[in-house]
Amino acid sequence: MTLRDALLAGLNSLPGTREFHLHVLVSSPRKHGNLFPFANPRPRSYLQDILILLSEQPTPDSPSVFVSAIEACVYNIPTTSCAILYVSKVDSTGQATSPSPTPALVRALLLFYADPVTRPISAARLWIHVFARAQNQYLFPNSSEYPKKHPLSDVKLCAWWKHQFSTVVAELASRVGDTCRTKLYYILPGLTEFEAHHSLERVYPSTGSTSSWTYGHPYSQDEIPLPCPCPSGGDSPRHLGQCIPSFDDDPKSRFIDEIAYTTDADGVRSPERKRPRADTLKTHEEDTLSADASEKKEGRSKKEDQTLKEVKKVSVEEFWERMSFRQECIAGAVTGFFVIAISATIRPASTLSMSEVSPLAPQPGQVSSQMNKRVLTSLLTAHEFPSVEKAVWSTKVIEDSIRGLCDGLKSNPPPLVVPDRSGRQTPEPDPVRTTLAPPRTPPPRLINGKRPIVDVSPNPFPEPVASLETYRSYIYGSIAVKNRPPPTKERGEVTSAGNGTPPVITVLTARKKRTKS
């Protein structure tokens, strides 16, 4: 089963009558060396980008409009047979028919990777990470201006994610039984376990839920191995850089960077050595060339050792305790970190067959990372969704561009100029042919003042080229939902009596004090 088919099957049970149009873009694996930037040695990991766009068509005559979108990343670590699914953004335009299809779409995505039978990666263990931070919009620009969009508040968003995870784990248990072991963790920085539990229970009560949540981080347990390989065969304890993965736009990653590159040495640092005079430089240039190279190498190694030393000073418990004082975690809003660990006790036959294939080999239906990036950039910078008219136009443009990229977009040929055959024309000098500048290698990108460590070994597999067959079989899909409409609330349901009559309200009045006449 492909991801597109799994998502369409998850939408099939929604109430009401409507038609959904789905576009799923999954990039081919590529090397990624910054998942654990402070681990030595760094584990080999491979990254895939996921972009899911869902549009809805309420009636056959009405146009389709985007209603939901998901951006996620999948990391594959073959050394430990682990995979990490990081859901970075989930957004809606507020223009969907009630009920919204966003929860069903998110659950279908999580369940597709959580189930070892449908998981498209050869990994015995899966870690799902989510950072919940309430915002008005994530993927649909200006969609917060639409009157019918009601973004969730900070506590409601955290409760929503916890409810979705509990539902996914319950569905997974009904599918696989005892062949999978799951562990659920969540933490709301700045809140105690009692405060966090009662804050989320008021939104989504966990009555009848069989999921057992642990308030805290998962980096102290040893039942399910962590994605980063254990150093020295497990003899030495893990430090902070070998536990917490680094994601884009994640406060944990920013905090670890600050810990690593912000040092407070005792006293004042020695000033850098001044550059020698010109005449001295000429005389001693050859002598100092090799010395400068060795000094730079030693300085670079010392800086890396100092960075690793700073990371090792902070324990995991201290890290999370200090996260409670970070401004982006307690700046007037509640944020939440959710982690699910899933370990398969029995690996299915499909996973065993996939383990023989190279993790860099592109699978059928995957697209290049540039195509995924191009569509996402167009969505975030060239379109807006404040009204139905603009949302319909943006939906049509993006959907047509995805199909065009698969069909092979070509530039329009220049218009033909009919020459003047009368013979009367003013002679003009031949125009100078201007050519584009030759391509140049851009300067290296620096991270914290130094070059990032990049795996220079080439990818033996070429980038996949999408075609119309790929578009029809893996990227685009539609489903017409024809179910019972959702139950409507009657007037009797909102009253306390329950029989449709208004409740009896007793108004208490203050008793006046009698005065003696």
Protein backbone atom coordinates (compact mmCIF):
# COMPACT_ATOMS: atom_id res chain seq x y z
CA MET A 1 0.00 0.00 0.00
CA THR A 2 1.29 3.46 -0.91
CA LEU A 3 1.05 6.51 1.30
CA ARG A 4 -1.50 8.06 -1.04
CA ASP A 5 -3.79 5.03 -0.78
CA ALA A 6 -3.45 4.92 3.01
CA LEU A 7 -4.41 8.59 3.33
CA LEU A 8 -7.41 8.19 1.03
CA ALA A 9 -8.56 5.17 3.05
CA GLY A 10 -8.35 7.26 6.22
CA LEU A 11 -10.60 9.91 4.66
CA ASN A 12 -13.21 7.40 3.48
CA SER A 13 -14.97 7.20 6.84
CA LEU A 14 -15.62 10.92 7.23
CA PRO A 15 -19.32 11.83 7.52
CA GLY A 16 -21.13 13.80 4.86
CA THR A 17 -21.03 13.90 1.07
CA ARG A 18 -18.02 15.52 -0.56
CA GLU A 19 -15.03 14.78 -2.76
CA PHE A 20 -11.39 15.04 -1.74
CA HIS A 21 -8.38 15.61 -4.00
CA LEU A 22 -5.03 14.58 -2.55
CA HIS A 23 -1.46 15.34 -3.60
CA VAL A 24 1.40 13.50 -1.87
CA LEU A 25 5.04 14.40 -2.54
CA VAL A 26 7.70 12.15 -0.99
CA SER A 27 11.29 12.92 -1.93
CA SER A 28 13.92 10.30 -2.58
CA PRO A 29 16.40 9.57 0.25
CA ARG A 30 19.48 11.73 0.50
CA LYS A 31 22.40 11.79 2.90
CA HIS A 32 21.99 13.89 6.01
CA GLY A 33 24.81 14.26 8.51
CA ASN A 34 23.33 16.83 10.92
CA LEU A 35 20.75 14.71 12.71
CA PHE A 36 23.13 14.27 15.65
CA PRO A 37 25.70 17.04 15.04
CA PHE A 38 27.46 16.59 18.40
CA ALA A 39 27.84 12.80 18.26
CA ASN A 40 31.31 11.46 17.57
CA PRO A 41 31.33 9.67 15.21
CA ARG A 42 28.19 10.89 13.53
CA PRO A 43 25.79 8.10 12.54
CA ARG A 44 24.85 7.67 8.91
CA SER A 45 21.33 8.97 8.33
CA TYR A 46 19.15 9.51 5.28
CA LEU A 47 16.44 12.15 4.95
CA GLN A 48 13.14 12.23 3.06
CA ASP A 49 10.76 15.20 2.81
CA ILE A 50 6.99 14.73 2.85
CA LEU A 51 4.43 17.29 1.68
CA ILE A 52 0.71 16.46 1.74
CA LEU A 53 -1.89 18.80 0.22
CA LEU A 54 -5.62 18.05 0.52
CA SER A 55 -8.33 19.94 -1.33
CA GLU A 56 -12.09 19.53 -0.98
CA GLN A 57 -14.93 19.82 -3.47
CA PRO A 58 -18.27 20.06 -1.62
CA THR A 59 -20.42 19.58 -4.76
CA PRO A 60 -19.58 18.38 -8.27
CA ASP A 61 -20.21 21.88 -9.66
CA SER A 62 -18.16 23.78 -7.10
CA PRO A 63 -14.38 24.32 -7.44
CA SER A 64 -11.91 22.53 -5.19
CA VAL A 65 -10.10 24.43 -2.48
CA PHE A 66 -7.22 23.50 -0.20
CA VAL A 67 -8.38 22.55 3.29
CA SER A 68 -5.40 20.78 4.93
CA ALA A 69 -1.64 20.43 4.55
CA ILE A 70 1.09 18.49 6.36
CA GLU A 71 4.86 18.94 6.21
CA ALA A 72 7.00 16.16 7.70
CA CYS A 73 10.45 14.58 7.51
CA VAL A 74 11.56 10.95 7.77
CA TYR A 75 15.06 10.05 8.93
CA ASN A 76 16.47 6.57 8.44
CA ILE A 77 19.38 5.38 10.61
CA PRO A 78 20.39 1.91 9.33
CA THR A 79 23.08 1.44 12.01
CA THR A 80 20.50 1.05 14.77
CA SER A 81 17.60 -0.01 12.51
CA CYS A 82 15.67 3.09 13.61
CA ALA A 83 13.56 5.65 11.80
CA ILE A 84 12.38 9.05 12.98
CA LEU A 85 9.18 10.71 11.75
CA TYR A 86 9.16 14.42 12.57
CA VAL A 87 5.88 16.21 11.88
CA SER A 88 6.94 19.83 11.58
CA LYS A 89 3.76 21.62 10.45
CA VAL A 90 0.03 20.87 10.19
CA ASP A 91 -2.34 23.55 8.95
CA SER A 92 -5.85 24.08 7.62
CA THR A 93 -7.55 26.92 5.77
CA GLY A 94 -10.82 26.72 7.70
CA GLN A 95 -12.77 26.30 4.46
CA ALA A 96 -13.58 22.60 4.85
CA THR A 97 -17.02 21.17 5.42
CA SER A 98 -17.60 20.17 9.02
CA PRO A 99 -16.11 17.99 10.39
CA SER A 100 -12.60 18.94 9.33
CA PRO A 101 -10.57 16.21 7.56
CA THR A 102 -7.31 17.32 9.21
CA PRO A 103 -7.45 14.89 12.19
CA ALA A 104 -8.18 11.91 9.96
CA LEU A 105 -5.37 12.91 7.60
CA VAL A 106 -2.85 13.22 10.45
CA ARG A 107 -3.87 9.89 12.00
CA ALA A 108 -3.60 8.12 8.65
CA LEU A 109 -0.06 9.47 8.14
CA LEU A 110 1.09 8.44 11.62
CA LEU A 111 -0.50 5.01 11.34
CA PHE A 112 1.07 4.38 7.93
CA TYR A 113 4.59 4.74 9.36
CA ALA A 114 3.78 3.24 12.76
CA ASP A 115 2.49 -0.04 11.33
CA PRO A 116 5.49 -2.28 10.48
CA VAL A 117 3.49 -3.86 7.63
CA THR A 118 2.97 -0.59 5.75
CA ARG A 119 6.15 1.20 6.84
CA PRO A 120 8.18 1.89 3.66
CA ILE A 121 11.52 1.95 5.51
CA SER A 122 13.57 -1.01 6.65
CA ALA A 123 13.57 -0.15 10.36
CA ALA A 124 12.55 -2.23 13.34
CA ARG A 125 11.90 0.84 15.50
CA LEU A 126 10.15 4.13 14.82
CA TRP A 127 10.30 7.36 16.80
CA ILE A 128 7.65 10.04 16.19
CA HIS A 129 8.47 13.59 17.34
CA VAL A 130 6.12 16.59 17.45
CA PHE A 131 6.62 20.05 18.89
CA ALA A 132 3.23 21.70 19.51
CA ARG A 133 3.25 25.50 19.40
CA ALA A 134 0.02 27.37 18.73
CA GLN A 135 0.07 29.83 15.83
CA ASN A 136 -2.58 31.36 13.62
CA GLN A 137 -1.16 29.83 10.44
CA TYR A 138 1.65 27.50 9.44
CA LEU A 139 1.48 26.54 5.75
CA PHE A 140 -1.37 28.64 4.31
CA PRO A 141 -0.38 32.33 4.28
CA ASN A 142 -3.05 34.79 5.47
CA SER A 143 -5.49 31.95 6.15
CA SER A 144 -5.99 33.34 9.66
CA GLU A 145 -7.90 36.25 8.09
CA TYR A 146 -10.64 33.87 6.93
CA PRO A 147 -13.56 34.40 9.35
CA LYS A 148 -14.45 30.71 9.70
CA LYS A 149 -10.95 29.58 10.64
CA HIS A 150 -10.63 29.10 14.38
CA PRO A 151 -7.04 28.22 15.35
CA LEU A 152 -6.63 26.17 18.49
CA SER A 153 -5.23 27.81 21.59
CA ASP A 154 -2.02 26.62 23.22
CA VAL A 155 -3.58 24.17 25.69
CA LYS A 156 -6.15 22.93 23.18
CA LEU A 157 -3.44 22.27 20.59
CA CYS A 158 -1.40 20.19 23.05
CA ALA A 159 -4.52 18.28 24.07
CA TRP A 160 -5.38 17.75 20.39
CA TRP A 161 -1.99 16.18 19.64
CA LYS A 162 -2.17 13.96 22.70
CA HIS A 163 -5.62 12.78 21.66
CA GLN A 164 -4.44 12.00 18.11
CA PHE A 165 -1.48 10.00 19.39
CA SER A 166 -3.67 8.03 21.78
CA THR A 167 -6.05 7.19 18.94
CA VAL A 168 -3.19 6.08 16.68
CA VAL A 169 -1.66 3.85 19.35
CA ALA A 170 -5.04 2.25 20.06
CA GLU A 171 -5.61 1.59 16.36
CA LEU A 172 -2.09 0.18 16.02
CA ALA A 173 -2.67 -2.18 18.94
CA SER A 174 -5.85 -3.48 17.31
CA ARG A 175 -3.93 -4.15 14.10
CA VAL A 176 -0.71 -5.77 15.27
CA GLY A 177 -1.60 -6.98 18.74
CA ASP A 178 1.40 -7.87 20.90
CA THR A 179 3.93 -7.76 18.06
CA CYS A 180 4.71 -4.09 18.79
CA ARG A 181 5.76 -2.37 21.99
CA THR A 182 4.89 1.32 22.32
CA LYS A 183 5.98 4.02 24.76
CA LEU A 184 4.38 7.47 24.89
CA TYR A 185 6.03 10.56 26.39
CA TYR A 186 4.99 14.17 26.66
CA ILE A 187 6.21 17.22 28.52
CA LEU A 188 4.89 20.78 28.76
CA PRO A 189 7.84 22.99 29.79
CA GLY A 190 7.03 25.12 32.79
CA LEU A 191 4.21 22.88 34.08
CA THR A 192 4.33 20.10 36.61
CA GLU A 193 2.86 16.69 35.83
CA PHE A 194 -0.27 17.49 37.85
CA GLU A 195 -0.81 20.83 36.10
CA ALA A 196 -0.18 19.39 32.63
CA HIS A 197 -2.46 16.40 33.17
CA HIS A 198 -5.41 18.44 34.41
CA SER A 199 -4.95 21.15 31.78
CA LEU A 200 -5.19 18.62 28.94
CA GLU A 201 -7.89 16.49 30.58
CA ARG A 202 -10.29 19.42 30.60
CA VAL A 203 -10.08 19.57 26.79
CA TYR A 204 -9.96 15.85 25.87
CA PRO A 205 -10.88 13.58 28.79
CA SER A 206 -9.10 10.24 28.50
CA THR A 207 -12.10 8.16 29.54
CA GLY A 208 -11.87 4.70 28.03
CA SER A 209 -8.37 5.29 26.65
CA THR A 210 -5.91 2.45 27.13
CA SER A 211 -2.81 4.52 26.28
CA SER A 212 -0.36 4.96 29.14
CA TRP A 213 1.51 8.26 28.95
CA THR A 214 4.72 9.13 30.76
CA TYR A 215 5.33 12.73 31.70
CA GLY A 216 8.97 13.37 30.87
CA HIS A 217 11.59 12.59 28.25
CA PRO A 218 12.37 9.16 26.73
CA TYR A 219 16.17 9.39 26.94
CA SER A 220 16.58 7.61 30.27
CA GLN A 221 14.77 4.39 29.36
CA ASP A 222 16.53 1.39 27.85
CA GLU A 223 13.59 -0.76 26.72
CA ILE A 224 13.58 0.69 23.20
CA PRO A 225 17.05 1.61 21.86
CA LEU A 226 17.63 5.21 20.88
CA PRO A 227 18.36 6.09 17.24
CA CYS A 228 21.93 7.25 17.87
CA PRO A 229 24.39 4.35 18.34
CA CYS A 230 25.67 3.91 21.86
CA PRO A 231 29.32 4.98 22.19
CA SER A 232 32.04 2.43 23.01
CA GLY A 233 29.62 -0.47 22.86
CA GLY A 234 27.58 0.81 25.80
CA ASP A 235 30.48 1.11 28.29
CA SER A 236 30.33 4.91 28.64
CA PRO A 237 27.08 6.80 29.32
CA ARG A 238 25.42 8.87 26.62
CA HIS A 239 25.79 12.62 26.62
CA LEU A 240 23.28 15.21 25.46
CA GLY A 241 24.39 15.25 21.81
CA GLN A 242 23.86 11.50 21.46
CA CYS A 243 20.31 11.56 22.81
CA ILE A 244 18.39 14.48 21.36
CA PRO A 245 18.08 14.67 17.54
CA SER A 246 18.38 18.00 15.78
CA PHE A 247 15.46 19.17 13.62
CA ASP A 248 14.81 22.35 11.68
CA ASP A 249 12.84 25.05 13.51
CA ASP A 250 12.96 23.17 16.80
CA PRO A 251 13.72 24.87 20.14
CA LYS A 252 15.67 21.84 21.38
CA SER A 253 18.15 22.19 18.52
CA ARG A 254 18.59 25.91 19.12
CA PHE A 255 19.18 25.34 22.82
CA ILE A 256 21.81 22.65 22.21
CA ASP A 257 23.59 25.00 19.79
CA GLU A 258 23.65 27.71 22.43
CA ILE A 259 25.06 25.29 24.98
CA ALA A 260 27.75 24.10 22.58
CA TYR A 261 28.89 27.42 21.15
CA THR A 262 28.37 29.77 24.10
CA THR A 263 31.29 29.40 26.50
CA ASP A 264 32.05 31.51 29.54
CA ALA A 265 35.76 31.11 30.14
CA ASP A 266 37.25 32.48 33.34
CA GLY A 267 38.90 35.83 32.87
CA VAL A 268 39.44 37.70 29.62
CA ARG A 269 40.35 35.87 26.45
CA SER A 270 43.72 36.54 24.92
CA PRO A 271 43.55 38.77 21.84
CA GLU A 272 44.24 37.25 18.47
CA ARG A 273 47.77 37.53 17.10
CA LYS A 274 48.29 40.59 14.91
CA ARG A 275 49.22 40.20 11.27
CA PRO A 276 53.00 40.71 10.73
CA ARG A 277 54.44 43.58 8.71
CA ALA A 278 54.80 43.31 4.95
CA ASP A 279 58.59 43.05 4.88
CA THR A 280 58.64 40.52 7.67
CA LEU A 281 55.90 38.54 5.94
CA LYS A 282 57.97 38.31 2.78
CA THR A 283 61.04 37.09 4.55
CA HIS A 284 59.32 34.55 6.74
CA GLU A 285 56.46 33.54 4.46
CA GLU A 286 57.80 30.12 3.58
CA ASP A 287 58.79 29.36 7.15
CA THR A 288 55.46 30.28 8.68
CA LEU A 289 53.23 28.72 6.00
CA SER A 290 53.40 25.20 7.39
CA ALA A 291 53.25 26.50 10.95
CA ASP A 292 50.06 28.48 10.24
CA ALA A 293 48.44 25.45 8.65
CA SER A 294 49.24 23.29 11.65
CA GLU A 295 48.01 26.00 14.03
CA LYS A 296 44.72 26.31 12.16
CA LYS A 297 44.26 22.56 12.26
CA GLU A 298 45.02 22.45 15.97
CA GLY A 299 42.74 25.42 16.62
CA ARG A 300 39.90 23.78 14.72
CA SER A 301 40.30 20.54 16.65
CA LYS A 302 40.53 22.42 19.94
CA LYS A 303 37.34 24.29 19.10
CA GLU A 304 35.52 21.07 18.30
CA ASP A 305 36.81 19.52 21.52
CA GLN A 306 35.65 22.57 23.45
CA THR A 307 32.22 22.36 21.82
CA LEU A 308 31.85 18.69 22.71
CA LYS A 309 33.07 19.40 26.22
CA GLU A 310 30.38 22.03 26.73
CA VAL A 311 27.67 19.63 25.56
CA LYS A 312 28.89 16.90 27.89
CA LYS A 313 28.65 19.21 30.89
CA VAL A 314 24.84 19.34 30.68
CA SER A 315 22.86 16.23 31.55
CA VAL A 316 19.56 15.36 29.94
CA GLU A 317 17.61 16.10 33.13
CA GLU A 318 19.29 19.49 33.47
CA PHE A 319 18.60 20.21 29.80
CA TRP A 320 14.85 19.73 30.20
CA GLU A 321 14.81 21.62 33.46
CA ARG A 322 16.46 24.58 31.76
CA MET A 323 14.07 24.27 28.80
CA SER A 324 11.31 25.36 31.18
CA PHE A 325 12.95 28.79 31.35
CA ARG A 326 13.42 29.26 27.60
CA GLN A 327 11.52 32.23 26.24
CA GLU A 328 10.05 30.40 23.24
CA CYS A 329 8.60 27.73 25.56
CA ILE A 330 7.07 29.95 28.24
CA ALA A 331 6.49 33.26 26.43
CA GLY A 332 2.87 33.56 27.57
CA ALA A 333 1.78 30.33 25.84
CA VAL A 334 1.97 26.63 26.68
CA THR A 335 4.06 24.47 24.34
CA GLY A 336 4.40 20.71 24.27
CA PHE A 337 6.87 18.04 23.19
CA PHE A 338 5.40 14.65 22.25
CA VAL A 339 7.37 11.49 21.48
CA ILE A 340 6.17 8.00 20.57
CA ALA A 341 8.55 5.04 20.48
CA ILE A 342 7.39 1.94 18.57
CA SER A 343 9.43 -1.25 18.52
CA ALA A 344 8.41 -4.31 16.51
CA THR A 345 9.15 -7.59 18.26
CA ILE A 346 8.65 -9.55 15.01
CA ARG A 347 9.83 -8.00 11.76
CA PRO A 348 7.49 -8.65 8.81
CA ALA A 349 8.70 -10.27 5.62
CA SER A 350 8.34 -7.02 3.65
CA THR A 351 10.80 -5.27 5.98
CA LEU A 352 13.32 -8.08 5.63
CA SER A 353 13.18 -7.83 1.84
CA MET A 354 13.65 -4.05 1.95
CA SER A 355 16.73 -4.37 4.14
CA GLU A 356 18.64 -5.83 1.21
CA VAL A 357 18.12 -2.64 -0.83
CA SER A 358 20.42 0.36 -0.42
CA PRO A 359 18.86 3.09 1.77
CA LEU A 360 19.69 5.62 -0.97
CA ALA A 361 17.83 3.74 -3.69
CA PRO A 362 14.74 5.73 -4.77
CA GLN A 363 11.45 3.86 -4.54
CA PRO A 364 8.64 4.03 -7.11
CA GLY A 365 6.56 7.17 -6.76
CA GLN A 366 9.23 9.31 -5.13
CA VAL A 367 10.21 12.71 -6.52
CA SER A 368 13.33 14.80 -6.31
CA SER A 369 13.90 16.99 -3.27
CA GLN A 370 14.06 20.06 -5.53
CA MET A 371 10.52 19.44 -6.76
CA ASN A 372 9.26 19.13 -3.20
CA LYS A 373 11.08 22.30 -2.22
CA ARG A 374 9.77 24.16 -5.27
CA VAL A 375 6.13 23.36 -4.51
CA LEU A 376 6.51 24.22 -0.81
CA THR A 377 8.24 27.52 -1.58
CA SER A 378 5.50 28.44 -4.03
CA LEU A 379 2.85 27.66 -1.42
CA LEU A 380 4.51 29.79 1.27
CA THR A 381 5.61 32.78 -0.81
CA ALA A 382 3.43 33.14 -3.89
CA HIS A 383 -0.09 32.41 -2.64
CA GLU A 384 -2.50 33.44 0.09
CA PHE A 385 -5.77 32.11 1.47
CA PRO A 386 -7.68 34.94 3.18
CA SER A 387 -10.89 34.38 1.16
CA VAL A 388 -12.63 31.70 -0.85
CA GLU A 389 -11.86 33.37 -4.19
CA LYS A 390 -8.11 33.64 -3.56
CA ALA A 391 -7.98 30.16 -2.07
CA VAL A 392 -9.68 28.65 -5.13
CA TRP A 393 -7.25 30.42 -7.47
CA SER A 394 -4.20 29.38 -5.42
CA THR A 395 -5.43 25.79 -5.25
CA LYS A 396 -5.83 25.57 -9.01
CA VAL A 397 -2.41 27.10 -9.69
CA ILE A 398 -0.56 24.79 -7.28
CA GLU A 399 -2.36 21.64 -8.39
CA ASP A 400 -1.72 22.47 -12.04
CA SER A 401 1.93 23.19 -11.31
CA ILE A 402 2.39 19.79 -9.64
CA ARG A 403 0.91 18.07 -12.66
CA GLY A 404 3.00 20.23 -14.96
CA LEU A 405 6.21 19.38 -13.10
CA CYS A 406 5.42 15.71 -13.57
CA ASP A 407 4.55 16.22 -17.22
CA GLY A 408 7.76 18.15 -17.86
CA LEU A 409 7.30 21.92 -18.01
CA LYS A 410 9.05 23.59 -20.91
CA SER A 411 9.53 27.25 -21.65
CA ASN A 412 7.33 28.76 -24.32
CA PRO A 413 9.10 29.15 -27.69
CA PRO A 414 9.83 32.71 -28.77
CA PRO A 415 7.26 34.25 -31.11
CA LEU A 416 8.01 34.08 -34.80
CA VAL A 417 8.87 37.42 -36.46
CA VAL A 418 7.74 37.76 -40.06
CA PRO A 419 10.48 39.53 -42.04
CA ASP A 420 9.66 42.63 -44.04
CA ARG A 421 9.97 41.72 -47.74
CA SER A 422 9.44 45.25 -49.09
CA GLY A 423 13.17 45.90 -49.02
CA ARG A 424 12.82 49.24 -47.25
CA GLN A 425 14.49 49.07 -43.89
CA THR A 426 17.03 51.06 -41.96
CA PRO A 427 20.30 49.23 -41.61
CA GLU A 428 21.13 48.68 -37.98
CA PRO A 429 24.29 47.30 -36.46
CA ASP A 430 24.25 43.72 -35.38
CA PRO A 431 23.22 43.52 -31.74
CA VAL A 432 25.83 42.28 -29.38
CA ARG A 433 24.88 38.84 -28.20
CA THR A 434 24.72 38.78 -24.45
CA THR A 435 25.32 35.52 -22.69
CA LEU A 436 24.73 34.49 -19.13
CA ALA A 437 27.58 34.60 -16.71
CA PRO A 438 29.39 31.29 -16.35
CA PRO A 439 28.27 29.28 -13.37
CA ARG A 440 30.30 29.72 -10.25
CA THR A 441 30.49 27.76 -7.07
CA PRO A 442 28.86 29.75 -4.26
CA PRO A 443 30.91 30.47 -1.15
CA PRO A 444 30.68 27.83 1.57
CA ARG A 445 27.88 28.25 4.05
CA LEU A 446 29.11 28.72 7.59
CA ILE A 447 27.33 27.47 10.69
CA ASN A 448 28.48 29.15 13.88
CA GLY A 449 31.59 30.38 12.11
CA LYS A 450 32.74 27.06 10.67
CA ARG A 451 31.95 24.87 7.72
CA PRO A 452 29.39 22.12 8.33
CA ILE A 453 30.59 18.56 8.05
CA VAL A 454 29.16 17.23 4.80
CA ASP A 455 29.40 13.72 3.46
CA VAL A 456 31.27 14.27 0.20
CA SER A 457 30.70 10.78 -1.12
CA PRO A 458 28.44 10.98 -4.16
CA ASN A 459 24.99 9.46 -4.37
CA PRO A 460 25.24 6.41 -6.65
CA PHE A 461 21.58 6.76 -7.65
CA PRO A 462 20.32 9.57 -9.88
CA GLU A 463 17.48 11.85 -8.84
CA PRO A 464 14.09 10.40 -9.79
CA VAL A 465 12.28 12.09 -12.66
CA ALA A 466 8.54 12.33 -12.15
CA SER A 467 6.24 11.44 -15.02
CA LEU A 468 2.52 11.39 -15.65
CA GLU A 469 2.47 7.73 -14.66
CA THR A 470 4.06 8.67 -11.33
CA TYR A 471 1.49 11.44 -10.95
CA ARG A 472 -1.49 9.18 -11.55
CA SER A 473 -0.24 6.17 -9.57
CA TYR A 474 1.50 7.72 -6.54
CA ILE A 475 1.09 11.51 -6.25
CA TYR A 476 -2.52 12.39 -7.08
CA GLY A 477 -5.63 10.64 -5.86
CA SER A 478 -9.27 11.48 -5.24
CA ILE A 479 -12.10 9.91 -3.31
CA ALA A 480 -15.81 10.66 -3.19
CA VAL A 481 -17.18 10.32 0.34
CA LYS A 482 -20.86 9.46 0.64
CA ASN A 483 -21.70 8.78 4.27
CA ARG A 484 -24.31 9.89 6.72
CA PRO A 485 -24.15 13.55 7.65
CA PRO A 486 -22.82 14.34 11.12
CA PRO A 487 -25.46 14.43 13.85
CA THR A 488 -26.78 17.89 14.55
CA LYS A 489 -27.26 19.19 18.04
CA GLU A 490 -30.89 19.73 18.90
CA ARG A 491 -32.15 22.28 21.32
CA GLY A 492 -32.87 19.69 23.96
CA GLU A 493 -29.23 18.61 24.02
CA VAL A 494 -27.96 21.95 25.18
CA THR A 495 -30.25 22.19 28.17
CA SER A 496 -29.55 20.74 31.54
CA ALA A 497 -32.99 19.12 31.82
CA GLY A 498 -32.49 17.04 28.70
CA ASN A 499 -36.16 17.18 27.59
CA GLY A 500 -36.04 20.33 25.52
CA THR A 501 -37.39 22.61 28.23
CA PRO A 502 -35.22 25.45 29.47
CA PRO A 503 -33.54 24.84 32.82
CA VAL A 504 -34.92 26.42 35.95
CA ILE A 505 -32.62 29.18 37.12
CA THR A 506 -32.81 30.41 40.69
CA VAL A 507 -31.58 33.93 41.15
CA LEU A 508 -30.26 34.72 44.61
CA THR A 509 -30.75 38.27 45.81
CA ALA A 510 -29.04 39.96 48.67
CA ARG A 511 -31.22 40.37 51.76
CA LYS A 512 -31.57 43.97 52.79
CA LYS A 513 -30.77 44.81 56.34
CA ARG A 514 -33.74 46.14 58.21
CA THR A 515 -33.26 49.45 59.92
CA LYS A 516 -34.95 50.34 63.18
CA SER A 517 -37.57 52.99 62.74
